[in-house]
Amino acid sequence: MDINAIKVEKKQKFEIEKVDRTKIKGRIVSKDERKIILENKGSTQTATKEEIYEVNVRRFSILKSSGVVAVAAALMALFATSIIAGANSGG
C-alpha cells in the first residue's frame, strides 16, 4: 500500500483495516511513508505500513444524522409534554 497516495482533506474520517482484521477509525493527524496516525475522541492510534490491509474514507450519512436528530426531537417533545401536563395538574 502506498501511504503517500492517500489524500487527506480537512475533517475527513478514515477507517483502517489491519492485516489481523482489527479496525481503527478517525482523522489522520500524521502520515509518512511508514505509518498513519489517526485521532479519534482525543486518543491517537497508529498503523504501520506492514499492518495495513485496507484504508477507506468514511462517508457522511445524512440518514444516520437525521435519525439522531429525529430521536432527540421526539425525546424533547415527550419531555416538554410531561412538564406541561405536570404544570396543568397543579403539582
Protein backbone atom coordinates (compact mmCIF):
# COMPACT_ATOMS: atom_id res chain seq x y z
CA MET A 1 0.00 0.00 0.00
CA ASP A 2 1.31 3.44 -0.92
CA ILE A 3 0.51 5.56 2.11
CA ASN A 4 1.64 8.71 0.31
CA ALA A 5 -1.13 8.22 -2.28
CA ILE A 6 -3.78 8.79 0.39
CA LYS A 7 -5.15 12.31 0.01
CA VAL A 8 -6.05 13.99 3.26
CA GLU A 9 -8.84 16.53 3.33
CA LYS A 10 -9.82 18.55 6.37
CA LYS A 11 -12.30 16.78 8.68
CA GLN A 12 -12.31 13.63 6.57
CA LYS A 13 -12.68 10.42 8.56
CA PHE A 14 -10.86 7.21 7.70
CA GLU A 15 -11.22 3.57 8.65
CA ILE A 16 -8.12 1.40 8.50
CA GLU A 17 -8.48 -2.36 8.45
CA LYS A 18 -5.34 -4.08 9.62
CA VAL A 19 -3.98 -7.42 8.41
CA ASP A 20 -5.25 -9.00 11.65
CA ARG A 21 -8.74 -7.69 10.67
CA THR A 22 -8.97 -5.18 13.54
CA LYS A 23 -10.19 -1.72 12.53
CA ILE A 24 -9.25 1.74 13.68
CA LYS A 25 -11.22 4.87 12.83
CA GLY A 26 -10.54 8.57 13.00
CA ARG A 27 -8.99 11.59 11.32
CA ILE A 28 -5.43 11.46 10.04
CA VAL A 29 -3.20 13.66 12.18
CA SER A 30 0.07 12.42 10.70
CA LYS A 31 1.27 10.19 7.92
CA ASP A 32 4.57 9.34 6.30
CA GLU A 33 5.89 6.51 4.15
CA ARG A 34 5.97 4.13 7.15
CA LYS A 35 2.83 4.82 9.22
CA ILE A 36 -0.50 6.60 9.63
CA ILE A 37 -1.64 8.11 12.92
CA LEU A 38 -5.38 8.57 13.44
CA GLU A 39 -7.08 10.65 16.14
CA ASN A 40 -10.50 9.73 17.47
CA LYS A 41 -12.15 11.26 20.54
CA GLY A 42 -8.89 12.64 21.87
CA SER A 43 -6.81 9.46 21.61
CA THR A 44 -4.40 8.51 18.85
CA GLN A 45 -3.87 5.15 17.18
CA THR A 46 -1.01 4.20 14.89
CA ALA A 47 -0.97 1.75 11.98
CA THR A 48 2.31 0.88 10.29
CA LYS A 49 2.55 0.18 6.58
CA GLU A 50 3.07 -3.53 7.28
CA GLU A 51 -0.10 -3.71 9.42
CA ILE A 52 -2.43 -2.01 6.93
CA TYR A 53 -4.69 -4.22 4.83
CA GLU A 54 -7.10 -1.55 3.57
CA VAL A 55 -7.82 2.16 4.02
CA ASN A 56 -11.32 3.52 3.47
CA VAL A 57 -12.74 7.01 3.62
CA ARG A 58 -15.78 7.02 5.88
CA ARG A 59 -18.69 8.65 4.10
CA PHE A 60 -21.07 11.13 5.72
CA SER A 61 -24.53 9.65 6.06
CA ILE A 62 -27.49 12.04 6.05
CA LEU A 63 -29.78 9.18 7.09
CA LYS A 64 -27.75 8.44 10.23
CA SER A 65 -27.54 12.13 11.08
CA SER A 66 -31.24 12.76 10.52
CA GLY A 67 -32.10 9.69 12.61
CA VAL A 68 -30.21 11.10 15.58
CA VAL A 69 -31.94 14.47 15.19
CA ALA A 70 -35.37 12.82 14.94
CA VAL A 71 -34.83 10.77 18.11
CA ALA A 72 -33.61 13.84 20.00
CA ALA A 73 -36.62 15.86 18.83
CA ALA A 74 -39.02 13.10 19.89
CA LEU A 75 -37.44 12.88 23.34
CA MET A 76 -37.61 16.65 23.76
CA ALA A 77 -41.29 16.68 22.75
CA LEU A 78 -42.04 13.87 25.21
CA PHE A 79 -40.19 15.70 27.98
CA ALA A 80 -41.97 19.00 27.21
CA THR A 81 -45.35 17.26 27.20
CA SER A 82 -44.71 15.73 30.61
CA ILE A 83 -43.68 19.12 32.05
CA ILE A 84 -46.80 20.84 30.65
CA ALA A 85 -49.03 18.03 31.94
CA GLY A 86 -47.41 18.32 35.39
CA ALA A 87 -47.88 22.12 35.43
CA ASN A 88 -51.55 21.84 34.44
CA SER A 89 -52.28 19.30 37.15
CA GLY A 90 -51.24 21.82 39.77
CA GLY A 91 -48.49 19.74 41.19
